[in-house]
């Protein structure tokens, strides 16, 4: 399951025909995404991104609320934390690990 957090388009980095690549600000973390599926998206808009493509516009009020709620999610402890058991090994072919 995925958790999509809205990000704000801060600038258009490249344009290739109908596709544009934008810088997206996720509450201080910056990534890039294609705007091919949202030609109406522009600087200042909030978008949801899946697999590197912006797929939905999000109203600013909803986006800011989602970002606020995301800040309340506690971080996961590192896998090597004392008291946290390691995840079991799993092989891709389904066989038991040796």
C-alpha atoms as a PDB file:
ATOM      1  CA  UNK A   1       0.000   0.000   0.000  1.00  0.00           C
ATOM      2  CA  UNK A   2       1.236   3.485  -0.823  1.00  0.00           C
ATOM      3  CA  UNK A   3       0.800   6.688   1.103  1.00  0.00           C
ATOM      4  CA  UNK A   4       0.700   9.672  -1.244  1.00  0.00           C
ATOM      5  CA  UNK A   5       1.673  13.023   0.209  1.00  0.00           C
ATOM      6  CA  UNK A   6       0.913  16.094  -1.908  1.00  0.00           C
ATOM      7  CA  UNK A   7       3.827  18.195  -3.077  1.00  0.00           C
ATOM      8  CA  UNK A   8       3.953  21.721  -4.493  1.00  0.00           C
ATOM      9  CA  UNK A   9       5.298  22.408  -7.975  1.00  0.00           C
ATOM     10  CA  UNK A  10       8.107  24.905  -7.408  1.00  0.00           C
ATOM     11  CA  UNK A  11       9.478  25.244 -10.940  1.00  0.00           C
ATOM     12  CA  UNK A  12       9.500  23.695 -14.378  1.00  0.00           C
ATOM     13  CA  UNK A  13      12.942  22.236 -15.062  1.00  0.00           C
ATOM     14  CA  UNK A  14      12.558  20.903 -18.606  1.00  0.00           C
ATOM     15  CA  UNK A  15      10.042  20.819 -21.434  1.00  0.00           C
ATOM     16  CA  UNK A  16       9.911  18.039 -24.041  1.00  0.00           C
ATOM     17  CA  UNK A  17       6.941  18.459 -26.360  1.00  0.00           C
ATOM     18  CA  UNK A  18       3.842  17.736 -24.263  1.00  0.00           C
ATOM     19  CA  UNK A  19       5.865  16.557 -21.272  1.00  0.00           C
ATOM     20  CA  UNK A  20       7.327  18.863 -18.654  1.00  0.00           C
ATOM     21  CA  UNK A  21       9.545  17.886 -15.762  1.00  0.00           C
ATOM     22  CA  UNK A  22       8.919  19.801 -12.576  1.00  0.00           C
ATOM     23  CA  UNK A  23      10.609  20.191  -9.228  1.00  0.00           C
ATOM     24  CA  UNK A  24       8.196  19.156  -6.474  1.00  0.00           C
ATOM     25  CA  UNK A  25       8.546  20.340  -2.856  1.00  0.00           C
ATOM     26  CA  UNK A  26       7.361  17.773  -0.313  1.00  0.00           C
ATOM     27  CA  UNK A  27       7.490  19.951   2.786  1.00  0.00           C
ATOM     28  CA  UNK A  28      11.199  20.685   2.322  1.00  0.00           C
ATOM     29  CA  UNK A  29      12.235  17.542   0.448  1.00  0.00           C
ATOM     30  CA  UNK A  30      12.602  18.145  -3.294  1.00  0.00           C
ATOM     31  CA  UNK A  31      12.069  15.588  -6.069  1.00  0.00           C
ATOM     32  CA  UNK A  32      11.270  15.730  -9.768  1.00  0.00           C
ATOM     33  CA  UNK A  33       8.155  14.495 -11.539  1.00  0.00           C
ATOM     34  CA  UNK A  34       6.710  14.466 -15.035  1.00  0.00           C
ATOM     35  CA  UNK A  35       3.618  16.600 -15.658  1.00  0.00           C
ATOM     36  CA  UNK A  36       2.616  14.730 -18.828  1.00  0.00           C
ATOM     37  CA  UNK A  37      -0.730  13.599 -17.370  1.00  0.00           C
ATOM     38  CA  UNK A  38      -1.510  17.016 -15.856  1.00  0.00           C
ATOM     39  CA  UNK A  39      -0.908  19.587 -18.587  1.00  0.00           C
ATOM     40  CA  UNK A  40      -2.888  22.123 -16.542  1.00  0.00           C
ATOM     41  CA  UNK A  41      -0.491  21.874 -13.553  1.00  0.00           C
ATOM     42  CA  UNK A  42       1.762  24.839 -12.988  1.00  0.00           C
ATOM     43  CA  UNK A  43       4.087  26.458 -10.480  1.00  0.00           C
ATOM     44  CA  UNK A  44       2.340  26.755  -7.113  1.00  0.00           C
ATOM     45  CA  UNK A  45      -0.064  23.856  -7.691  1.00  0.00           C
ATOM     46  CA  UNK A  46      -0.164  20.851  -5.368  1.00  0.00           C
ATOM     47  CA  UNK A  47       0.001  17.425  -6.996  1.00  0.00           C
ATOM     48  CA  UNK A  48       0.052  13.742  -6.111  1.00  0.00           C
ATOM     49  CA  UNK A  49       2.866  11.799  -7.765  1.00  0.00           C
ATOM     50  CA  UNK A  50       2.991   8.081  -8.512  1.00  0.00           C
ATOM     51  CA  UNK A  51       5.967   6.378 -10.162  1.00  0.00           C
ATOM     52  CA  UNK A  52       7.469   9.721 -11.167  1.00  0.00           C
ATOM     53  CA  UNK A  53       4.320  11.145 -12.790  1.00  0.00           C
ATOM     54  CA  UNK A  54       1.973  13.741 -11.304  1.00  0.00           C
ATOM     55  CA  UNK A  55      -1.467  12.141 -11.495  1.00  0.00           C
ATOM     56  CA  UNK A  56      -3.813  14.467  -9.589  1.00  0.00           C
ATOM     57  CA  UNK A  57      -4.174  18.099  -8.629  1.00  0.00           C
ATOM     58  CA  UNK A  58      -4.926  18.654  -4.928  1.00  0.00           C
ATOM     59  CA  UNK A  59      -6.595  21.766  -3.479  1.00  0.00           C
ATOM     60  CA  UNK A  60      -4.098  23.761  -1.407  1.00  0.00           C
ATOM     61  CA  UNK A  61      -6.117  23.443   1.812  1.00  0.00           C
ATOM     62  CA  UNK A  62      -6.243  19.642   1.481  1.00  0.00           C
ATOM     63  CA  UNK A  63      -2.554  19.444   0.589  1.00  0.00           C
ATOM     64  CA  UNK A  64      -1.473  21.486   3.603  1.00  0.00           C
ATOM     65  CA  UNK A  65      -3.660  19.370   5.905  1.00  0.00           C
ATOM     66  CA  UNK A  66      -2.151  16.161   4.478  1.00  0.00           C
ATOM     67  CA  UNK A  67       1.365  17.521   5.014  1.00  0.00           C
ATOM     68  CA  UNK A  68       0.489  18.500   8.584  1.00  0.00           C
ATOM     69  CA  UNK A  69      -0.836  15.000   9.286  1.00  0.00           C
ATOM     70  CA  UNK A  70       2.218  13.381   7.674  1.00  0.00           C
ATOM     71  CA  UNK A  71       4.478  15.277  10.086  1.00  0.00           C
ATOM     72  CA  UNK A  72       2.644  13.566  12.954  1.00  0.00           C
ATOM     73  CA  UNK A  73       3.556  10.054  11.748  1.00  0.00           C
ATOM     74  CA  UNK A  74       6.412   8.846  13.938  1.00  0.00           C
ATOM     75  CA  UNK A  75       9.541   7.780  12.062  1.00  0.00           C
ATOM     76  CA  UNK A  76      10.304   4.076  11.801  1.00  0.00           C
ATOM     77  CA  UNK A  77      13.190   2.938  13.978  1.00  0.00           C
ATOM     78  CA  UNK A  78      16.333   1.813  12.152  1.00  0.00           C
ATOM     79  CA  UNK A  79      16.399  -1.921  11.497  1.00  0.00           C
ATOM     80  CA  UNK A  80      19.411  -2.279  13.797  1.00  0.00           C
ATOM     81  CA  UNK A  81      17.666  -0.698  16.803  1.00  0.00           C
ATOM     82  CA  UNK A  82      18.006  -2.644  20.056  1.00  0.00           C
ATOM     83  CA  UNK A  83      14.809  -4.508  20.839  1.00  0.00           C
ATOM     84  CA  UNK A  84      13.604  -4.539  17.235  1.00  0.00           C
ATOM     85  CA  UNK A  85      13.750  -8.059  15.843  1.00  0.00           C
ATOM     86  CA  UNK A  86      15.153  -8.374  12.307  1.00  0.00           C
ATOM     87  CA  UNK A  87      12.741  -9.201   9.513  1.00  0.00           C
ATOM     88  CA  UNK A  88      12.800 -12.840   8.434  1.00  0.00           C
ATOM     89  CA  UNK A  89      14.774 -13.644   5.310  1.00  0.00           C
ATOM     90  CA  UNK A  90      12.713 -14.405   2.248  1.00  0.00           C
ATOM     91  CA  UNK A  91      13.984 -15.708  -1.058  1.00  0.00           C
ATOM     92  CA  UNK A  92      12.410 -14.558  -4.311  1.00  0.00           C
ATOM     93  CA  UNK A  93      11.917 -18.132  -5.483  1.00  0.00           C
ATOM     94  CA  UNK A  94       9.900 -18.966  -2.359  1.00  0.00           C
ATOM     95  CA  UNK A  95      12.401 -21.491  -1.027  1.00  0.00           C
ATOM     96  CA  UNK A  96      13.415 -21.403   2.608  1.00  0.00           C
ATOM     97  CA  UNK A  97      16.556 -19.370   3.291  1.00  0.00           C
ATOM     98  CA  UNK A  98      19.604 -21.387   4.231  1.00  0.00           C
END
